[in-house]
Amino acid sequence: MWKDLIVLFGLGIMFVSILFLIPARNFILSNKLGDFLGKISYSLYLLHLPTRKLLQEHAVNAPVFFFVIYILSSIMIAYLSYLIIENPLRKAIRKKLKIN
């Protein structure tokens, strides 16, 4: 997918459009849900695949139910990881390096 120039061009145009053409206080882009998902996005990126592997055996019986449980549990696990690991480590590193 990433080797296709049309895909890269399309994504580049979307990125530039969102970054430069949409006003900063747009109600669609600035909301609490988006802020929350942005805050936990790295943990979500790292932990969504292990979560899927843990829940995958139940996907055959009820795929729609599996999808809902998968999304909710991925978000919950990512949030807990953010609270327990990511945020305290970030604060400790900033304190150690004396960065505000």
PDB file of N, CA and C in Angstrom:
ATOM      1  N   MET A   1       0.816  -1.185   0.000  1.00  0.00           N
ATOM      2  CA  MET A   1       0.000   0.000   0.000  1.00  0.00           C
ATOM      3  C   MET A   1       0.866   1.257   0.000  1.00  0.00           C
ATOM      4  N   TRP A   2       1.930   1.288   0.808  1.00  0.00           N
ATOM      5  CA  TRP A   2       2.749   2.491   0.929  1.00  0.00           C
ATOM      6  C   TRP A   2       3.663   2.703  -0.260  1.00  0.00           C
ATOM      7  N   LYS A   3       3.823   1.694  -1.100  1.00  0.00           N
ATOM      8  CA  LYS A   3       4.646   1.846  -2.301  1.00  0.00           C
ATOM      9  C   LYS A   3       3.856   2.457  -3.454  1.00  0.00           C
ATOM     10  N   ASP A   4       2.541   2.527  -3.321  1.00  0.00           N
ATOM     11  CA  ASP A   4       1.676   3.094  -4.349  1.00  0.00           C
ATOM     12  C   ASP A   4       1.727   4.619  -4.271  1.00  0.00           C
ATOM     13  N   LEU A   5       2.165   5.262  -5.338  1.00  0.00           N
ATOM     14  CA  LEU A   5       2.313   6.716  -5.348  1.00  0.00           C
ATOM     15  C   LEU A   5       0.981   7.448  -5.207  1.00  0.00           C
ATOM     16  N   ILE A   6      -0.085   6.870  -5.702  1.00  0.00           N
ATOM     17  CA  ILE A   6      -1.400   7.499  -5.574  1.00  0.00           C
ATOM     18  C   ILE A   6      -1.825   7.548  -4.115  1.00  0.00           C
ATOM     19  N   VAL A   7      -1.586   6.471  -3.381  1.00  0.00           N
ATOM     20  CA  VAL A   7      -1.912   6.443  -1.952  1.00  0.00           C
ATOM     21  C   VAL A   7      -1.085   7.482  -1.205  1.00  0.00           C
ATOM     22  N   LEU A   8       0.205   7.528  -1.456  1.00  0.00           N
ATOM     23  CA  LEU A   8       1.069   8.502  -0.791  1.00  0.00           C
ATOM     24  C   LEU A   8       0.671   9.934  -1.133  1.00  0.00           C
ATOM     25  N   PHE A   9       0.358  10.192  -2.384  1.00  0.00           N
ATOM     26  CA  PHE A   9      -0.054  11.524  -2.796  1.00  0.00           C
ATOM     27  C   PHE A   9      -1.378  11.907  -2.125  1.00  0.00           C
ATOM     28  N   GLY A  10      -2.326  10.985  -2.112  1.00  0.00           N
ATOM     29  CA  GLY A  10      -3.623  11.252  -1.483  1.00  0.00           C
ATOM     30  C   GLY A  10      -3.492  11.532   0.005  1.00  0.00           C
ATOM     31  N   LEU A  11      -2.700  10.726   0.686  1.00  0.00           N
ATOM     32  CA  LEU A  11      -2.500  10.951   2.120  1.00  0.00           C
ATOM     33  C   LEU A  11      -1.757  12.256   2.377  1.00  0.00           C
ATOM     34  N   GLY A  12      -0.813  12.596   1.514  1.00  0.00           N
ATOM     35  CA  GLY A  12      -0.101  13.866   1.654  1.00  0.00           C
ATOM     36  C   GLY A  12      -1.037  15.049   1.491  1.00  0.00           C
ATOM     37  N   ILE A  13      -1.910  14.990   0.504  1.00  0.00           N
ATOM     38  CA  ILE A  13      -2.890  16.057   0.292  1.00  0.00           C
ATOM     39  C   ILE A  13      -3.827  16.164   1.497  1.00  0.00           C
ATOM     40  N   MET A  14      -4.290  15.018   2.024  1.00  0.00           N
ATOM     41  CA  MET A  14      -5.162  15.040   3.215  1.00  0.00           C
ATOM     42  C   MET A  14      -4.437  15.666   4.398  1.00  0.00           C
ATOM     43  N   PHE A  15      -3.192  15.272   4.629  1.00  0.00           N
ATOM     44  CA  PHE A  15      -2.422  15.784   5.753  1.00  0.00           C
ATOM     45  C   PHE A  15      -2.241  17.291   5.645  1.00  0.00           C
ATOM     46  N   VAL A  16      -1.829  17.773   4.474  1.00  0.00           N
ATOM     47  CA  VAL A  16      -1.621  19.211   4.272  1.00  0.00           C
ATOM     48  C   VAL A  16      -2.941  19.964   4.429  1.00  0.00           C
ATOM     49  N   SER A  17      -4.027  19.398   3.925  1.00  0.00           N
ATOM     50  CA  SER A  17      -5.334  20.046   4.046  1.00  0.00           C
ATOM     51  C   SER A  17      -5.756  20.179   5.504  1.00  0.00           C
ATOM     52  N   ILE A  18      -5.609  19.116   6.259  1.00  0.00           N
ATOM     53  CA  ILE A  18      -5.996  19.158   7.672  1.00  0.00           C
ATOM     54  C   ILE A  18      -5.087  20.095   8.445  1.00  0.00           C
ATOM     55  N   LEU A  19      -3.805  20.058   8.157  1.00  0.00           N
ATOM     56  CA  LEU A  19      -2.845  20.852   8.903  1.00  0.00           C
ATOM     57  C   LEU A  19      -2.954  22.339   8.619  1.00  0.00           C
ATOM     58  N   PHE A  20      -3.151  22.713   7.363  1.00  0.00           N
ATOM     59  CA  PHE A  20      -3.068  24.130   7.000  1.00  0.00           C
ATOM     60  C   PHE A  20      -4.394  24.781   6.618  1.00  0.00           C
ATOM     61  N   LEU A  21      -5.385  24.033   6.205  1.00  0.00           N
ATOM     62  CA  LEU A  21      -6.599  24.651   5.687  1.00  0.00           C
ATOM     63  C   LEU A  21      -7.775  24.660   6.654  1.00  0.00           C
ATOM     64  N   ILE A  22      -7.743  23.835   7.687  1.00  0.00           N
ATOM     65  CA  ILE A  22      -8.846  23.803   8.649  1.00  0.00           C
ATOM     66  C   ILE A  22      -8.506  24.718   9.815  1.00  0.00           C
ATOM     67  N   PRO A  23      -9.426  25.605  10.204  1.00  0.00           N
ATOM     68  CA  PRO A  23      -9.144  26.523  11.313  1.00  0.00           C
ATOM     69  C   PRO A  23      -8.831  25.785  12.617  1.00  0.00           C
ATOM     70  N   ALA A  24      -8.081  26.430  13.480  1.00  0.00           N
ATOM     71  CA  ALA A  24      -7.605  25.799  14.712  1.00  0.00           C
ATOM     72  C   ALA A  24      -8.746  25.422  15.654  1.00  0.00           C
ATOM     73  N   ARG A  25      -9.794  26.194  15.739  1.00  0.00           N
ATOM     74  CA  ARG A  25     -10.891  25.928  16.680  1.00  0.00           C
ATOM     75  C   ARG A  25     -12.080  25.234  16.017  1.00  0.00           C
ATOM     76  N   ASN A  26     -11.820  24.348  15.080  1.00  0.00           N
ATOM     77  CA  ASN A  26     -12.870  23.618  14.403  1.00  0.00           C
ATOM     78  C   ASN A  26     -13.525  22.649  15.383  1.00  0.00           C
ATOM     79  N   PHE A  27     -14.862  22.651  15.437  1.00  0.00           N
ATOM     80  CA  PHE A  27     -15.569  21.818  16.424  1.00  0.00           C
ATOM     81  C   PHE A  27     -15.406  20.324  16.162  1.00  0.00           C
ATOM     82  N   ILE A  28     -15.108  19.930  14.940  1.00  0.00           N
ATOM     83  CA  ILE A  28     -14.931  18.511  14.639  1.00  0.00           C
ATOM     84  C   ILE A  28     -13.559  18.027  15.118  1.00  0.00           C
ATOM     85  N   LEU A  29     -12.548  18.871  14.964  1.00  0.00           N
ATOM     86  CA  LEU A  29     -11.193  18.449  15.295  1.00  0.00           C
ATOM     87  C   LEU A  29     -10.796  18.732  16.739  1.00  0.00           C
ATOM     88  N   SER A  30     -11.440  19.684  17.383  1.00  0.00           N
ATOM     89  CA  SER A  30     -11.070  19.942  18.786  1.00  0.00           C
ATOM     90  C   SER A  30     -12.255  19.582  19.674  1.00  0.00           C
ATOM     91  N   ASN A  31     -12.141  18.410  20.270  1.00  0.00           N
ATOM     92  CA  ASN A  31     -13.158  17.927  21.201  1.00  0.00           C
ATOM     93  C   ASN A  31     -12.497  17.022  22.229  1.00  0.00           C
ATOM     94  N   LYS A  32     -13.194  16.740  23.293  1.00  0.00           N
ATOM     95  CA  LYS A  32     -12.606  15.980  24.399  1.00  0.00           C
ATOM     96  C   LYS A  32     -12.281  14.534  24.017  1.00  0.00           C
ATOM     97  N   LEU A  33     -13.114  13.924  23.195  1.00  0.00           N
ATOM     98  CA  LEU A  33     -12.842  12.549  22.776  1.00  0.00           C
ATOM     99  C   LEU A  33     -11.565  12.480  21.940  1.00  0.00           C
ATOM    100  N   GLY A  34     -11.414  13.409  21.001  1.00  0.00           N
ATOM    101  CA  GLY A  34     -10.204  13.450  20.192  1.00  0.00           C
ATOM    102  C   GLY A  34      -8.966  13.719  21.023  1.00  0.00           C
ATOM    103  N   ASP A  35      -9.083  14.615  22.005  1.00  0.00           N
ATOM    104  CA  ASP A  35      -7.953  14.890  22.897  1.00  0.00           C
ATOM    105  C   ASP A  35      -7.575  13.648  23.697  1.00  0.00           C
ATOM    106  N   PHE A  36      -8.586  12.942  24.207  1.00  0.00           N
ATOM    107  CA  PHE A  36      -8.339  11.725  24.984  1.00  0.00           C
ATOM    108  C   PHE A  36      -7.663  10.657  24.133  1.00  0.00           C
ATOM    109  N   LEU A  37      -8.202  10.420  22.932  1.00  0.00           N
ATOM    110  CA  LEU A  37      -7.614   9.401  22.056  1.00  0.00           C
ATOM    111  C   LEU A  37      -6.213   9.801  21.610  1.00  0.00           C
ATOM    112  N   GLY A  38      -5.977  11.093  21.433  1.00  0.00           N
ATOM    113  CA  GLY A  38      -4.634  11.558  21.102  1.00  0.00           C
ATOM    114  C   GLY A  38      -3.665  11.338  22.244  1.00  0.00           C
ATOM    115  N   LYS A  39      -4.154  11.507  23.458  1.00  0.00           N
ATOM    116  CA  LYS A  39      -3.302  11.327  24.638  1.00  0.00           C
ATOM    117  C   LYS A  39      -2.872   9.869  24.795  1.00  0.00           C
ATOM    118  N   ILE A  40      -3.775   8.940  24.523  1.00  0.00           N
ATOM    119  CA  ILE A  40      -3.453   7.521  24.699  1.00  0.00           C
ATOM    120  C   ILE A  40      -3.043   6.851  23.387  1.00  0.00           C
ATOM    121  N   SER A  41      -2.849   7.628  22.327  1.00  0.00           N
ATOM    122  CA  SER A  41      -2.641   7.036  20.997  1.00  0.00           C
ATOM    123  C   SER A  41      -1.396   6.147  20.924  1.00  0.00           C
ATOM    124  N   TYR A  42      -0.311   6.533  21.579  1.00  0.00           N
ATOM    125  CA  TYR A  42       0.892   5.706  21.503  1.00  0.00           C
ATOM    126  C   TYR A  42       0.673   4.369  22.212  1.00  0.00           C
ATOM    127  N   SER A  43       0.077   4.410  23.397  1.00  0.00           N
ATOM    128  CA  SER A  43      -0.230   3.163  24.100  1.00  0.00           C
ATOM    129  C   SER A  43      -1.213   2.322  23.295  1.00  0.00           C
ATOM    130  N   LEU A  44      -2.174   2.975  22.682  1.00  0.00           N
ATOM    131  CA  LEU A  44      -3.154   2.256  21.860  1.00  0.00           C
ATOM    132  C   LEU A  44      -2.468   1.598  20.658  1.00  0.00           C
ATOM    133  N   TYR A  45      -1.546   2.324  20.056  1.00  0.00           N
ATOM    134  CA  TYR A  45      -0.785   1.775  18.927  1.00  0.00           C
ATOM    135  C   TYR A  45       0.014   0.541  19.349  1.00  0.00           C
ATOM    136  N   LEU A  46       0.646   0.613  20.511  1.00  0.00           N
ATOM    137  CA  LEU A  46       1.480  -0.509  20.960  1.00  0.00           C
ATOM    138  C   LEU A  46       0.660  -1.714  21.422  1.00  0.00           C
ATOM    139  N   LEU A  47      -0.506  -1.484  21.995  1.00  0.00           N
ATOM    140  CA  LEU A  47      -1.227  -2.567  22.674  1.00  0.00           C
ATOM    141  C   LEU A  47      -2.450  -3.094  21.932  1.00  0.00           C
ATOM    142  N   HIS A  48      -2.823  -2.500  20.798  1.00  0.00           N
ATOM    143  CA  HIS A  48      -4.025  -2.992  20.129  1.00  0.00           C
ATOM    144  C   HIS A  48      -3.836  -4.393  19.546  1.00  0.00           C
ATOM    145  N   LEU A  49      -2.662  -4.707  19.051  1.00  0.00           N
ATOM    146  CA  LEU A  49      -2.438  -6.030  18.467  1.00  0.00           C
ATOM    147  C   LEU A  49      -2.401  -7.139  19.521  1.00  0.00           C
ATOM    148  N   PRO A  50      -1.681  -6.970  20.647  1.00  0.00           N
ATOM    149  CA  PRO A  50      -1.759  -8.011  21.683  1.00  0.00           C
ATOM    150  C   PRO A  50      -3.177  -8.204  22.230  1.00  0.00           C
ATOM    151  N   THR A  51      -3.933  -7.113  22.300  1.00  0.00           N
ATOM    152  CA  THR A  51      -5.326  -7.225  22.756  1.00  0.00           C
ATOM    153  C   THR A  51      -6.133  -8.052  21.766  1.00  0.00           C
ATOM    154  N   ARG A  52      -5.935  -7.804  20.487  1.00  0.00           N
ATOM    155  CA  ARG A  52      -6.647  -8.582  19.467  1.00  0.00           C
ATOM    156  C   ARG A  52      -6.273 -10.056  19.533  1.00  0.00           C
ATOM    157  N   LYS A  53      -4.995 -10.339  19.736  1.00  0.00           N
ATOM    158  CA  LYS A  53      -4.559 -11.736  19.825  1.00  0.00           C
ATOM    159  C   LYS A  53      -5.206 -12.447  21.017  1.00  0.00           C
ATOM    160  N   LEU A  54      -5.342 -11.726  22.134  1.00  0.00           N
ATOM    161  CA  LEU A  54      -5.973 -12.327  23.313  1.00  0.00           C
ATOM    162  C   LEU A  54      -7.455 -12.621  23.097  1.00  0.00           C
ATOM    163  N   LEU A  55      -8.131 -11.760  22.356  1.00  0.00           N
ATOM    164  CA  LEU A  55      -9.576 -11.899  22.177  1.00  0.00           C
ATOM    165  C   LEU A  55      -9.968 -12.628  20.895  1.00  0.00           C
ATOM    166  N   GLN A  56      -9.016 -12.952  20.043  1.00  0.00           N
ATOM    167  CA  GLN A  56      -9.302 -13.443  18.702  1.00  0.00           C
ATOM    168  C   GLN A  56     -10.083 -14.754  18.663  1.00  0.00           C
ATOM    169  N   GLU A  57      -9.900 -15.632  19.615  1.00  0.00           N
ATOM    170  CA  GLU A  57     -10.595 -16.926  19.582  1.00  0.00           C
ATOM    171  C   GLU A  57     -12.107 -16.772  19.712  1.00  0.00           C
ATOM    172  N   HIS A  58     -12.565 -15.630  20.243  1.00  0.00           N
ATOM    173  CA  HIS A  58     -14.006 -15.396  20.397  1.00  0.00           C
ATOM    174  C   HIS A  58     -14.616 -14.703  19.188  1.00  0.00           C
ATOM    175  N   ALA A  59     -13.806 -14.333  18.218  1.00  0.00           N
ATOM    176  CA  ALA A  59     -14.286 -13.572  17.070  1.00  0.00           C
ATOM    177  C   ALA A  59     -15.177 -14.389  16.146  1.00  0.00           C
ATOM    178  N   VAL A  60     -14.989 -15.682  16.088  1.00  0.00           N
ATOM    179  CA  VAL A  60     -15.741 -16.523  15.156  1.00  0.00           C
ATOM    180  C   VAL A  60     -17.212 -16.603  15.558  1.00  0.00           C
ATOM    181  N   ASN A  61     -17.485 -16.687  16.832  1.00  0.00           N
ATOM    182  CA  ASN A  61     -18.854 -16.866  17.305  1.00  0.00           C
ATOM    183  C   ASN A  61     -19.720 -15.631  17.127  1.00  0.00           C
ATOM    184  N   ALA A  62     -19.172 -14.447  17.404  1.00  0.00           N
ATOM    185  CA  ALA A  62     -19.946 -13.207  17.325  1.00  0.00           C
ATOM    186  C   ALA A  62     -19.033 -12.067  16.870  1.00  0.00           C
ATOM    187  N   PRO A  63     -18.855 -11.904  15.563  1.00  0.00           N
ATOM    188  CA  PRO A  63     -17.887 -10.915  15.076  1.00  0.00           C
ATOM    189  C   PRO A  63     -18.220  -9.467  15.449  1.00  0.00           C
ATOM    190  N   VAL A  64     -19.473  -9.078  15.443  1.00  0.00           N
ATOM    191  CA  VAL A  64     -19.834  -7.703  15.796  1.00  0.00           C
ATOM    192  C   VAL A  64     -19.584  -7.463  17.283  1.00  0.00           C
ATOM    193  N   PHE A  65     -19.987  -8.397  18.107  1.00  0.00           N
ATOM    194  CA  PHE A  65     -19.744  -8.292  19.543  1.00  0.00           C
ATOM    195  C   PHE A  65     -18.240  -8.263  19.823  1.00  0.00           C
ATOM    196  N   PHE A  66     -17.483  -9.102  19.110  1.00  0.00           N
ATOM    197  CA  PHE A  66     -16.030  -9.116  19.255  1.00  0.00           C
ATOM    198  C   PHE A  66     -15.436  -7.748  18.936  1.00  0.00           C
ATOM    199  N   PHE A  67     -15.889  -7.124  17.852  1.00  0.00           N
ATOM    200  CA  PHE A  67     -15.355  -5.834  17.444  1.00  0.00           C
ATOM    201  C   PHE A  67     -15.597  -4.773  18.519  1.00  0.00           C
ATOM    202  N   VAL A  68     -16.791  -4.742  19.064  1.00  0.00           N
ATOM    203  CA  VAL A  68     -17.113  -3.765  20.117  1.00  0.00           C
ATOM    204  C   VAL A  68     -16.256  -4.016  21.360  1.00  0.00           C
ATOM    205  N   ILE A  69     -16.166  -5.255  21.786  1.00  0.00           N
ATOM    206  CA  ILE A  69     -15.354  -5.598  22.957  1.00  0.00           C
ATOM    207  C   ILE A  69     -13.878  -5.309  22.687  1.00  0.00           C
ATOM    208  N   TYR A  70     -13.422  -5.595  21.489  1.00  0.00           N
ATOM    209  CA  TYR A  70     -12.025  -5.346  21.117  1.00  0.00           C
ATOM    210  C   TYR A  70     -11.692  -3.856  21.186  1.00  0.00           C
ATOM    211  N   ILE A  71     -12.530  -3.013  20.617  1.00  0.00           N
ATOM    212  CA  ILE A  71     -12.289  -1.564  20.637  1.00  0.00           C
ATOM    213  C   ILE A  71     -12.306  -1.046  22.067  1.00  0.00           C
ATOM    214  N   LEU A  72     -13.324  -1.414  22.830  1.00  0.00           N
ATOM    215  CA  LEU A  72     -13.437  -0.923  24.212  1.00  0.00           C
ATOM    216  C   LEU A  72     -12.289  -1.421  25.093  1.00  0.00           C
ATOM    217  N   SER A  73     -11.929  -2.686  24.954  1.00  0.00           N
ATOM    218  CA  SER A  73     -10.841  -3.210  25.783  1.00  0.00           C
ATOM    219  C   SER A  73      -9.491  -2.638  25.353  1.00  0.00           C
ATOM    220  N   SER A  74      -9.294  -2.399  24.069  1.00  0.00           N
ATOM    221  CA  SER A  74      -8.047  -1.769  23.610  1.00  0.00           C
ATOM    222  C   SER A  74      -7.906  -0.374  24.189  1.00  0.00           C
ATOM    223  N   ILE A  75      -8.982   0.385  24.176  1.00  0.00           N
ATOM    224  CA  ILE A  75      -8.945   1.742  24.729  1.00  0.00           C
ATOM    225  C   ILE A  75      -8.705   1.699  26.235  1.00  0.00           C
ATOM    226  N   MET A  76      -9.371   0.772  26.922  1.00  0.00           N
ATOM    227  CA  MET A  76      -9.199   0.669  28.370  1.00  0.00           C
ATOM    228  C   MET A  76      -7.763   0.264  28.735  1.00  0.00           C
ATOM    229  N   ILE A  77      -7.215  -0.713  28.048  1.00  0.00           N
ATOM    230  CA  ILE A  77      -5.846  -1.167  28.324  1.00  0.00           C
ATOM    231  C   ILE A  77      -4.843  -0.061  27.998  1.00  0.00           C
ATOM    232  N   ALA A  78      -5.069   0.640  26.901  1.00  0.00           N
ATOM    233  CA  ALA A  78      -4.171   1.740  26.535  1.00  0.00           C
ATOM    234  C   ALA A  78      -4.236   2.859  27.573  1.00  0.00           C
ATOM    235  N   TYR A  79      -5.424   3.159  28.075  1.00  0.00           N
ATOM    236  CA  TYR A  79      -5.567   4.201  29.094  1.00  0.00           C
ATOM    237  C   TYR A  79      -4.859   3.798  30.386  1.00  0.00           C
ATOM    238  N   LEU A  80      -5.014   2.551  30.790  1.00  0.00           N
ATOM    239  CA  LEU A  80      -4.328   2.080  31.995  1.00  0.00           C
ATOM    240  C   LEU A  80      -2.814   2.114  31.801  1.00  0.00           C
ATOM    241  N   SER A  81      -2.351   1.734  30.638  1.00  0.00           N
ATOM    242  CA  SER A  81      -0.920   1.800  30.339  1.00  0.00           C
ATOM    243  C   SER A  81      -0.423   3.241  30.373  1.00  0.00           C
ATOM    244  N   TYR A  82      -1.228   4.152  29.857  1.00  0.00           N
ATOM    245  CA  TYR A  82      -0.870   5.565  29.886  1.00  0.00           C
ATOM    246  C   TYR A  82      -0.754   6.056  31.329  1.00  0.00           C
ATOM    247  N   LEU A  83      -1.736   5.682  32.164  1.00  0.00           N
ATOM    248  CA  LEU A  83      -1.736   6.136  33.563  1.00  0.00           C
ATOM    249  C   LEU A  83      -0.614   5.509  34.390  1.00  0.00           C
ATOM    250  N   ILE A  84      -0.370   4.219  34.188  1.00  0.00           N
ATOM    251  CA  ILE A  84       0.553   3.483  35.053  1.00  0.00           C
ATOM    252  C   ILE A  84       2.001   3.558  34.569  1.00  0.00           C
ATOM    253  N   ILE A  85       2.212   3.573  33.254  1.00  0.00           N
ATOM    254  CA  ILE A  85       3.572   3.507  32.723  1.00  0.00           C
ATOM    255  C   ILE A  85       3.995   4.797  32.022  1.00  0.00           C
ATOM    256  N   GLU A  86       3.263   5.182  30.993  1.00  0.00           N
ATOM    257  CA  GLU A  86       3.717   6.263  30.120  1.00  0.00           C
ATOM    258  C   GLU A  86       3.798   7.614  30.827  1.00  0.00           C
ATOM    259  N   ASN A  87       2.744   8.027  31.479  1.00  0.00           N
ATOM    260  CA  ASN A  87       2.722   9.341  32.124  1.00  0.00           C
ATOM    261  C   ASN A  87       3.733   9.453  33.270  1.00  0.00           C
ATOM    262  N   PRO A  88       3.809   8.491  34.202  1.00  0.00           N
ATOM    263  CA  PRO A  88       4.830   8.599  35.257  1.00  0.00           C
ATOM    264  C   PRO A  88       6.264   8.595  34.720  1.00  0.00           C
ATOM    265  N   LEU A  89       6.538   7.785  33.700  1.00  0.00           N
ATOM    266  CA  LEU A  89       7.887   7.769  33.122  1.00  0.00           C
ATOM    267  C   LEU A  89       8.212   9.096  32.440  1.00  0.00           C
ATOM    268  N   ARG A  90       7.242   9.659  31.735  1.00  0.00           N
ATOM    269  CA  ARG A  90       7.463  10.948  31.089  1.00  0.00           C
ATOM    270  C   ARG A  90       7.771  12.021  32.121  1.00  0.00           C
ATOM    271  N   LYS A  91       7.019  12.025  33.220  1.00  0.00           N
ATOM    272  CA  LYS A  91       7.262  13.002  34.286  1.00  0.00           C
ATOM    273  C   LYS A  91       8.633  12.793  34.927  1.00  0.00           C
ATOM    274  N   ALA A  92       9.011  11.550  35.158  1.00  0.00           N
ATOM    275  CA  ALA A  92      10.312  11.261  35.774  1.00  0.00           C
ATOM    276  C   ALA A  92      11.460  11.679  34.859  1.00  0.00           C
ATOM    277  N   ILE A  93      11.321  11.420  33.577  1.00  0.00           N
ATOM    278  CA  ILE A  93      12.373  11.808  32.633  1.00  0.00           C
ATOM    279  C   ILE A  93      12.486  13.321  32.558  1.00  0.00           C
ATOM    280  N   ARG A  94      11.355  14.016  32.510  1.00  0.00           N
ATOM    281  CA  ARG A  94      11.391  15.481  32.470  1.00  0.00           C
ATOM    282  C   ARG A  94      11.997  16.058  33.748  1.00  0.00           C
ATOM    283  N   LYS A  95      11.684  15.434  34.867  1.00  0.00           N
ATOM    284  CA  LYS A  95      12.242  15.897  36.150  1.00  0.00           C
ATOM    285  C   LYS A  95      13.754  15.672  36.174  1.00  0.00           C
ATOM    286  N   LYS A  96      14.169  14.503  35.702  1.00  0.00           N
ATOM    287  CA  LYS A  96      15.593  14.164  35.673  1.00  0.00           C
ATOM    288  C   LYS A  96      16.382  15.092  34.757  1.00  0.00           C
ATOM    289  N   LEU A  97      15.786  15.425  33.606  1.00  0.00           N
ATOM    290  CA  LEU A  97      16.443  16.296  32.645  1.00  0.00           C
ATOM    291  C   LEU A  97      16.146  17.778  32.897  1.00  0.00           C
ATOM    292  N   LYS A  98      15.342  18.046  33.922  1.00  0.00           N
ATOM    293  CA  LYS A  98      14.945  19.420  34.287  1.00  0.00           C
ATOM    294  C   LYS A  98      14.284  20.155  33.127  1.00  0.00           C
ATOM    295  N   ILE A  99      13.326  19.459  32.498  1.00  0.00           N
ATOM    296  CA  ILE A  99      12.528  20.041  31.425  1.00  0.00           C
ATOM    297  C   ILE A  99      11.146  20.315  31.992  1.00  0.00           C
ATOM    298  N   ASN A 100      10.648  21.499  31.776  1.00  0.00           N
ATOM    299  CA  ASN A 100       9.289  21.832  32.275  1.00  0.00           C
ATOM    300  C   ASN A 100       8.302  21.313  31.342  1.00  0.00           C
TER     301      ASN A 100
END
